[in-house]
Amino acid sequence: MKFRDLVPPRAWQELILSGVHRTYSTGETVLLQGAPATSVRVLTSGRVEVGCSDEEGEYCLLALRGVGDVIGEMAAQIDGVRSATVTALEPCTAYSLSSGTFHAVLARHGAREQLGRYITGKLQESGVSAIETVRLPPLQRLARLIVRLVDLADPGHPQPLRVPMSQVRMAEALGLSRSLIAQLVSELRSGGLLDTGRDLRVKNPDEIRVLAGLNQRV
């Protein structure tokens, strides 16, 4: 559930009006792992990935976020440091608020409880993703990643079926080899689920959703 859908419309609008407008290009860092968590971002266009790296440099995808989400609110709850890096998958816009301003706006609109529900939902989503990594076969995991990326495109997106992640990045995100991802993408193209052009683009949304085992929007 998007945070925008949980809070009153006036609260969402005030969050935007209270923030500083930021733009991010494809691949640009929105929030950096290990940096002080003093602000929150309200995402108003584009899609981002949330991931972290361990001490050995191994990358783990934690989540995907889109329009209507807020990012950075968990660490800001305790004035800690960022536990993950947020990267723009495509050109994005967001509004930056100090954590104090963010919580003050929510308090004025009686929306603190909704923040708790939003954070709980994120934690539950992380648990589901961890289970998928262990139990699901690689092709289904890739299909789910593609479906979730496409589902995050807002209604006004000019290319909602384009997958804004390279094969190399998908391999890193899923913890699979690049050669295996290339093989799986080839299978999806041969099966008519992805276009055969240079860019990754979903050709048959219904069929790839069936393959992913996701019969509803996520």
C-alpha atoms as a PDB file:
ATOM      1  CA  MET A   1       0.000   0.000   0.000  1.00  0.00           C
ATOM      2  CA  LYS A   2       1.300   3.447  -0.928  1.00  0.00           C
ATOM      3  CA  PHE A   3       1.717   5.919   1.897  1.00  0.00           C
ATOM      4  CA  ARG A   4      -0.237   8.457  -0.169  1.00  0.00           C
ATOM      5  CA  ASP A   5      -3.250   6.126  -0.044  1.00  0.00           C
ATOM      6  CA  LEU A   6      -3.053   5.689   3.717  1.00  0.00           C
ATOM      7  CA  VAL A   7      -3.004   9.324   4.817  1.00  0.00           C
ATOM      8  CA  PRO A   8      -5.616  12.052   4.281  1.00  0.00           C
ATOM      9  CA  PRO A   9      -5.167  13.890   0.946  1.00  0.00           C
ATOM     10  CA  ARG A  10      -4.474  17.149   2.808  1.00  0.00           C
ATOM     11  CA  ALA A  11      -1.659  15.485   4.735  1.00  0.00           C
ATOM     12  CA  TRP A  12      -0.032  14.232   1.534  1.00  0.00           C
ATOM     13  CA  GLN A  13      -0.356  17.661  -0.055  1.00  0.00           C
ATOM     14  CA  GLU A  14       1.184  19.362   2.974  1.00  0.00           C
ATOM     15  CA  LEU A  15       4.112  16.950   2.923  1.00  0.00           C
ATOM     16  CA  ILE A  16       4.823  18.025  -0.654  1.00  0.00           C
ATOM     17  CA  LEU A  17       4.356  21.728   0.071  1.00  0.00           C
ATOM     18  CA  SER A  18       6.649  21.468   3.121  1.00  0.00           C
ATOM     19  CA  GLY A  19       9.465  19.785   1.215  1.00  0.00           C
ATOM     20  CA  VAL A  20      12.303  20.887  -1.041  1.00  0.00           C
ATOM     21  CA  HIS A  21      11.886  19.763  -4.647  1.00  0.00           C
ATOM     22  CA  ARG A  22      14.596  17.354  -5.825  1.00  0.00           C
ATOM     23  CA  THR A  23      15.233  15.688  -9.176  1.00  0.00           C
ATOM     24  CA  TYR A  24      17.308  12.572  -9.787  1.00  0.00           C
ATOM     25  CA  SER A  25      18.624  11.137 -13.023  1.00  0.00           C
ATOM     26  CA  THR A  26      18.766   7.427 -13.869  1.00  0.00           C
ATOM     27  CA  GLY A  27      21.296   5.680 -11.632  1.00  0.00           C
ATOM     28  CA  GLU A  28      21.665   8.603  -9.248  1.00  0.00           C
ATOM     29  CA  THR A  29      21.772   7.965  -5.504  1.00  0.00           C
ATOM     30  CA  VAL A  30      18.753   9.314  -3.646  1.00  0.00           C
ATOM     31  CA  LEU A  31      19.790   8.137  -0.171  1.00  0.00           C
ATOM     32  CA  LEU A  32      23.135   6.584   0.774  1.00  0.00           C
ATOM     33  CA  GLN A  33      23.710   3.630   3.083  1.00  0.00           C
ATOM     34  CA  GLY A  34      25.638   4.695   6.173  1.00  0.00           C
ATOM     35  CA  ALA A  35      24.759   8.397   5.896  1.00  0.00           C
ATOM     36  CA  PRO A  36      22.992  10.204   8.771  1.00  0.00           C
ATOM     37  CA  ALA A  37      19.206   9.753   8.603  1.00  0.00           C
ATOM     38  CA  THR A  38      17.996  13.309   9.074  1.00  0.00           C
ATOM     39  CA  SER A  39      15.445  13.583   6.267  1.00  0.00           C
ATOM     40  CA  VAL A  40      12.656  11.804   4.438  1.00  0.00           C
ATOM     41  CA  ARG A  41      11.850  11.763   0.713  1.00  0.00           C
ATOM     42  CA  VAL A  42       8.307  11.914  -0.654  1.00  0.00           C
ATOM     43  CA  LEU A  43       8.388  10.331  -4.113  1.00  0.00           C
ATOM     44  CA  THR A  44       6.195  12.034  -6.739  1.00  0.00           C
ATOM     45  CA  SER A  45       7.470  10.566 -10.022  1.00  0.00           C
ATOM     46  CA  GLY A  46       9.656   7.695 -11.154  1.00  0.00           C
ATOM     47  CA  ARG A  47      10.725   4.375  -9.665  1.00  0.00           C
ATOM     48  CA  VAL A  48      13.596   3.586  -7.294  1.00  0.00           C
ATOM     49  CA  GLU A  49      15.291   0.523  -5.875  1.00  0.00           C
ATOM     50  CA  VAL A  50      16.273   0.066  -2.250  1.00  0.00           C
ATOM     51  CA  GLY A  51      19.257  -2.161  -1.534  1.00  0.00           C
ATOM     52  CA  CYS A  52      22.218  -2.658   0.750  1.00  0.00           C
ATOM     53  CA  SER A  53      25.754  -3.993   0.525  1.00  0.00           C
ATOM     54  CA  ASP A  54      27.505  -6.102   3.135  1.00  0.00           C
ATOM     55  CA  GLU A  55      31.098  -5.751   4.285  1.00  0.00           C
ATOM     56  CA  GLU A  56      32.289  -7.850   1.345  1.00  0.00           C
ATOM     57  CA  GLY A  57      30.450  -5.686  -1.159  1.00  0.00           C
ATOM     58  CA  GLU A  58      27.698  -8.194  -1.923  1.00  0.00           C
ATOM     59  CA  TYR A  59      24.517  -6.377  -2.960  1.00  0.00           C
ATOM     60  CA  CYS A  60      20.999  -7.309  -1.843  1.00  0.00           C
ATOM     61  CA  LEU A  61      17.809  -5.802  -3.258  1.00  0.00           C
ATOM     62  CA  LEU A  62      15.438  -4.983  -0.410  1.00  0.00           C
ATOM     63  CA  ALA A  63      12.519  -3.249  -2.102  1.00  0.00           C
ATOM     64  CA  LEU A  64      11.170  -1.288  -5.043  1.00  0.00           C
ATOM     65  CA  ARG A  65       9.299   1.972  -4.575  1.00  0.00           C
ATOM     66  CA  GLY A  66       7.300   4.326  -6.769  1.00  0.00           C
ATOM     67  CA  VAL A  67       5.029   7.359  -6.827  1.00  0.00           C
ATOM     68  CA  GLY A  68       3.136   7.764  -3.571  1.00  0.00           C
ATOM     69  CA  ASP A  69       5.800   6.132  -1.420  1.00  0.00           C
ATOM     70  CA  VAL A  70       8.028   7.752   1.179  1.00  0.00           C
ATOM     71  CA  ILE A  71      11.600   6.613   1.680  1.00  0.00           C
ATOM     72  CA  GLY A  72      14.014   7.036   4.530  1.00  0.00           C
ATOM     73  CA  GLU A  73      11.313   7.179   7.183  1.00  0.00           C
ATOM     74  CA  MET A  74      12.434   4.078   9.094  1.00  0.00           C
ATOM     75  CA  ALA A  75      15.913   5.271  10.046  1.00  0.00           C
ATOM     76  CA  ALA A  76      14.562   8.787  10.617  1.00  0.00           C
ATOM     77  CA  GLN A  77      12.324   7.365  13.336  1.00  0.00           C
ATOM     78  CA  ILE A  78      15.339   6.889  15.579  1.00  0.00           C
ATOM     79  CA  ASP A  79      17.739   9.538  14.170  1.00  0.00           C
ATOM     80  CA  GLY A  80      20.038   6.741  13.093  1.00  0.00           C
ATOM     81  CA  VAL A  81      21.999   6.106   9.911  1.00  0.00           C
ATOM     82  CA  ARG A  82      20.749   4.858   6.575  1.00  0.00           C
ATOM     83  CA  SER A  83      20.602   1.077   6.481  1.00  0.00           C
ATOM     84  CA  ALA A  84      20.205   1.007   2.689  1.00  0.00           C
ATOM     85  CA  THR A  85      20.953   2.926  -0.481  1.00  0.00           C
ATOM     86  CA  VAL A  86      18.093   4.195  -2.645  1.00  0.00           C
ATOM     87  CA  THR A  87      18.889   4.519  -6.362  1.00  0.00           C
ATOM     88  CA  ALA A  88      16.782   6.070  -9.128  1.00  0.00           C
ATOM     89  CA  LEU A  89      15.858   3.492 -11.781  1.00  0.00           C
ATOM     90  CA  GLU A  90      14.716   6.287 -14.096  1.00  0.00           C
ATOM     91  CA  PRO A  91      14.357  10.093 -13.843  1.00  0.00           C
ATOM     92  CA  CYS A  92      12.599  10.794 -10.550  1.00  0.00           C
ATOM     93  CA  THR A  93      11.252  13.708  -8.573  1.00  0.00           C
ATOM     94  CA  ALA A  94      10.832  13.832  -4.819  1.00  0.00           C
ATOM     95  CA  TYR A  95      10.384  16.290  -1.985  1.00  0.00           C
ATOM     96  CA  SER A  96      12.878  16.292   0.856  1.00  0.00           C
ATOM     97  CA  LEU A  97      11.679  17.029   4.395  1.00  0.00           C
ATOM     98  CA  SER A  98      13.544  16.990   7.668  1.00  0.00           C
ATOM     99  CA  SER A  99      12.386  14.130   9.866  1.00  0.00           C
ATOM    100  CA  GLY A 100      11.033  16.689  12.344  1.00  0.00           C
ATOM    101  CA  THR A 101       8.892  18.392   9.706  1.00  0.00           C
ATOM    102  CA  PHE A 102       7.680  15.042   8.387  1.00  0.00           C
ATOM    103  CA  HIS A 103       6.453  13.910  11.797  1.00  0.00           C
ATOM    104  CA  ALA A 104       4.974  17.329  12.601  1.00  0.00           C
ATOM    105  CA  VAL A 105       2.848  17.242   9.448  1.00  0.00           C
ATOM    106  CA  LEU A 106       1.593  13.761  10.257  1.00  0.00           C
ATOM    107  CA  ALA A 107       0.780  14.802  13.825  1.00  0.00           C
ATOM    108  CA  ARG A 108      -1.266  17.779  12.611  1.00  0.00           C
ATOM    109  CA  HIS A 109      -3.378  15.461  10.481  1.00  0.00           C
ATOM    110  CA  GLY A 110      -3.608  12.625  12.996  1.00  0.00           C
ATOM    111  CA  ALA A 111      -1.727  10.321  10.653  1.00  0.00           C
ATOM    112  CA  ARG A 112       0.926   8.848  12.941  1.00  0.00           C
ATOM    113  CA  GLU A 113      -0.944   5.551  13.118  1.00  0.00           C
ATOM    114  CA  GLN A 114      -0.930   5.330   9.320  1.00  0.00           C
ATOM    115  CA  LEU A 115       2.859   5.681   9.356  1.00  0.00           C
ATOM    116  CA  GLY A 116       3.053   2.701  11.687  1.00  0.00           C
ATOM    117  CA  ARG A 117       0.870   0.653   9.341  1.00  0.00           C
ATOM    118  CA  TYR A 118       3.023   1.677   6.394  1.00  0.00           C
ATOM    119  CA  ILE A 119       6.252   0.645   8.108  1.00  0.00           C
ATOM    120  CA  THR A 120       4.714  -2.647   9.229  1.00  0.00           C
ATOM    121  CA  GLY A 121       3.659  -3.334   5.653  1.00  0.00           C
ATOM    122  CA  LYS A 122       7.207  -2.725   4.442  1.00  0.00           C
ATOM    123  CA  LEU A 123       8.631  -5.124   7.007  1.00  0.00           C
ATOM    124  CA  GLN A 124       6.119  -7.805   6.024  1.00  0.00           C
ATOM    125  CA  GLU A 125       7.033  -7.288   2.368  1.00  0.00           C
ATOM    126  CA  SER A 126      10.705  -7.810   3.214  1.00  0.00           C
ATOM    127  CA  GLY A 127       9.846 -11.090   4.899  1.00  0.00           C
ATOM    128  CA  VAL A 128       7.943 -12.302   1.856  1.00  0.00           C
ATOM    129  CA  SER A 129      10.859 -11.373  -0.416  1.00  0.00           C
ATOM    130  CA  ALA A 130      13.258 -13.360   1.761  1.00  0.00           C
ATOM    131  CA  ILE A 131      11.024 -16.432   1.493  1.00  0.00           C
ATOM    132  CA  GLU A 132      10.778 -16.038  -2.293  1.00  0.00           C
ATOM    133  CA  THR A 133      14.564 -15.973  -2.579  1.00  0.00           C
ATOM    134  CA  VAL A 134      14.794 -19.362  -0.891  1.00  0.00           C
ATOM    135  CA  ARG A 135      11.763 -21.147  -2.308  1.00  0.00           C
ATOM    136  CA  LEU A 136      11.043 -19.907  -5.816  1.00  0.00           C
ATOM    137  CA  PRO A 137      12.879 -21.009  -8.972  1.00  0.00           C
ATOM    138  CA  PRO A 138      14.945 -18.369 -10.793  1.00  0.00           C
ATOM    139  CA  LEU A 139      12.511 -17.886 -13.701  1.00  0.00           C
ATOM    140  CA  GLN A 140       9.607 -17.165 -11.381  1.00  0.00           C
ATOM    141  CA  ARG A 141      11.724 -14.795  -9.288  1.00  0.00           C
ATOM    142  CA  LEU A 142      12.718 -12.887 -12.417  1.00  0.00           C
ATOM    143  CA  ALA A 143       9.091 -12.740 -13.583  1.00  0.00           C
ATOM    144  CA  ARG A 144       8.044 -11.360 -10.191  1.00  0.00           C
ATOM    145  CA  LEU A 145      10.735  -8.694 -10.309  1.00  0.00           C
ATOM    146  CA  ILE A 146       9.600  -7.615 -13.779  1.00  0.00           C
ATOM    147  CA  VAL A 147       5.914  -7.555 -12.785  1.00  0.00           C
ATOM    148  CA  ARG A 148       6.628  -5.477  -9.694  1.00  0.00           C
ATOM    149  CA  LEU A 149       8.693  -2.987 -11.656  1.00  0.00           C
ATOM    150  CA  VAL A 150       5.920  -2.571 -14.218  1.00  0.00           C
ATOM    151  CA  ASP A 151       3.232  -2.309 -11.535  1.00  0.00           C
ATOM    152  CA  LEU A 152       5.109   0.585  -9.930  1.00  0.00           C
ATOM    153  CA  ALA A 153       4.710   2.770 -13.022  1.00  0.00           C
ATOM    154  CA  ASP A 154       2.240   5.549 -12.203  1.00  0.00           C
ATOM    155  CA  PRO A 155      -0.856   5.969 -14.447  1.00  0.00           C
ATOM    156  CA  GLY A 156       0.698   8.876 -16.344  1.00  0.00           C
ATOM    157  CA  HIS A 157       3.988   7.097 -17.100  1.00  0.00           C
ATOM    158  CA  PRO A 158       4.908   7.408 -20.811  1.00  0.00           C
ATOM    159  CA  GLN A 159       6.321   3.850 -21.022  1.00  0.00           C
ATOM    160  CA  PRO A 160       4.626   1.799 -18.292  1.00  0.00           C
ATOM    161  CA  LEU A 161       5.628  -1.581 -19.781  1.00  0.00           C
ATOM    162  CA  ARG A 162       9.338  -0.770 -20.049  1.00  0.00           C
ATOM    163  CA  VAL A 163      11.475  -2.543 -17.453  1.00  0.00           C
ATOM    164  CA  PRO A 164      13.749   0.151 -15.947  1.00  0.00           C
ATOM    165  CA  MET A 165      16.506  -2.227 -14.922  1.00  0.00           C
ATOM    166  CA  SER A 166      19.322  -3.730 -16.976  1.00  0.00           C
ATOM    167  CA  GLN A 167      20.007  -7.447 -17.067  1.00  0.00           C
ATOM    168  CA  VAL A 168      23.218  -6.844 -15.122  1.00  0.00           C
ATOM    169  CA  ARG A 169      21.305  -5.008 -12.413  1.00  0.00           C
ATOM    170  CA  MET A 170      18.621  -7.695 -12.285  1.00  0.00           C
ATOM    171  CA  ALA A 171      21.306 -10.327 -11.806  1.00  0.00           C
ATOM    172  CA  GLU A 172      22.721  -8.348  -8.872  1.00  0.00           C
ATOM    173  CA  ALA A 173      19.269  -7.742  -7.425  1.00  0.00           C
ATOM    174  CA  LEU A 174      18.291 -11.408  -7.542  1.00  0.00           C
ATOM    175  CA  GLY A 175      21.680 -12.815  -6.600  1.00  0.00           C
ATOM    176  CA  LEU A 176      21.916 -14.755  -9.877  1.00  0.00           C
ATOM    177  CA  SER A 177      24.619 -14.926 -12.521  1.00  0.00           C
ATOM    178  CA  ARG A 178      24.474 -12.623 -15.532  1.00  0.00           C
ATOM    179  CA  SER A 179      24.553 -15.597 -17.882  1.00  0.00           C
ATOM    180  CA  LEU A 180      21.524 -17.154 -16.187  1.00  0.00           C
ATOM    181  CA  ILE A 181      19.574 -13.892 -16.367  1.00  0.00           C
ATOM    182  CA  ALA A 182      20.437 -13.592 -20.066  1.00  0.00           C
ATOM    183  CA  GLN A 183      19.200 -17.144 -20.616  1.00  0.00           C
ATOM    184  CA  LEU A 184      15.944 -16.500 -18.726  1.00  0.00           C
ATOM    185  CA  VAL A 185      15.292 -13.235 -20.565  1.00  0.00           C
ATOM    186  CA  SER A 186      15.811 -15.095 -23.839  1.00  0.00           C
ATOM    187  CA  GLU A 187      13.235 -17.667 -22.743  1.00  0.00           C
ATOM    188  CA  LEU A 188      10.721 -14.949 -21.890  1.00  0.00           C
ATOM    189  CA  ARG A 189      11.280 -13.329 -25.270  1.00  0.00           C
ATOM    190  CA  SER A 190      10.945 -16.624 -27.118  1.00  0.00           C
ATOM    191  CA  GLY A 191       7.710 -17.281 -25.238  1.00  0.00           C
ATOM    192  CA  GLY A 192       6.267 -13.929 -26.294  1.00  0.00           C
ATOM    193  CA  LEU A 193       6.230 -12.451 -22.801  1.00  0.00           C
ATOM    194  CA  LEU A 194       8.895  -9.816 -23.525  1.00  0.00           C
ATOM    195  CA  ASP A 195       9.495  -7.809 -26.683  1.00  0.00           C
ATOM    196  CA  THR A 196      12.551  -8.724 -28.731  1.00  0.00           C
ATOM    197  CA  GLY A 197      13.808  -5.133 -29.028  1.00  0.00           C
ATOM    198  CA  ARG A 198      16.898  -3.692 -27.395  1.00  0.00           C
ATOM    199  CA  ASP A 199      15.050  -2.421 -24.331  1.00  0.00           C
ATOM    200  CA  LEU A 200      13.390  -4.790 -21.912  1.00  0.00           C
ATOM    201  CA  ARG A 201       9.671  -4.324 -22.386  1.00  0.00           C
ATOM    202  CA  VAL A 202       6.739  -6.490 -21.343  1.00  0.00           C
ATOM    203  CA  LYS A 203       4.757  -7.726 -24.334  1.00  0.00           C
ATOM    204  CA  ASN A 204       2.196  -9.914 -22.603  1.00  0.00           C
ATOM    205  CA  PRO A 205       1.429  -8.549 -19.098  1.00  0.00           C
ATOM    206  CA  ASP A 206      -1.211 -11.179 -18.298  1.00  0.00           C
ATOM    207  CA  GLU A 207       0.982 -14.156 -19.144  1.00  0.00           C
ATOM    208  CA  ILE A 208       4.048 -12.907 -17.305  1.00  0.00           C
ATOM    209  CA  ARG A 209       1.838 -12.286 -14.267  1.00  0.00           C
ATOM    210  CA  VAL A 210       0.631 -15.882 -14.419  1.00  0.00           C
ATOM    211  CA  LEU A 211       4.220 -17.101 -14.659  1.00  0.00           C
ATOM    212  CA  ALA A 212       5.125 -14.955 -11.655  1.00  0.00           C
ATOM    213  CA  GLY A 213       2.216 -16.374  -9.672  1.00  0.00           C
ATOM    214  CA  LEU A 214       0.820 -12.884  -9.084  1.00  0.00           C
ATOM    215  CA  ASN A 215      -2.820 -12.625 -10.063  1.00  0.00           C
ATOM    216  CA  GLN A 216      -3.351  -9.206  -8.486  1.00  0.00           C
ATOM    217  CA  ARG A 217      -1.456  -5.928  -8.611  1.00  0.00           C
ATOM    218  CA  VAL A 218       1.245  -5.693  -5.952  1.00  0.00           C
END
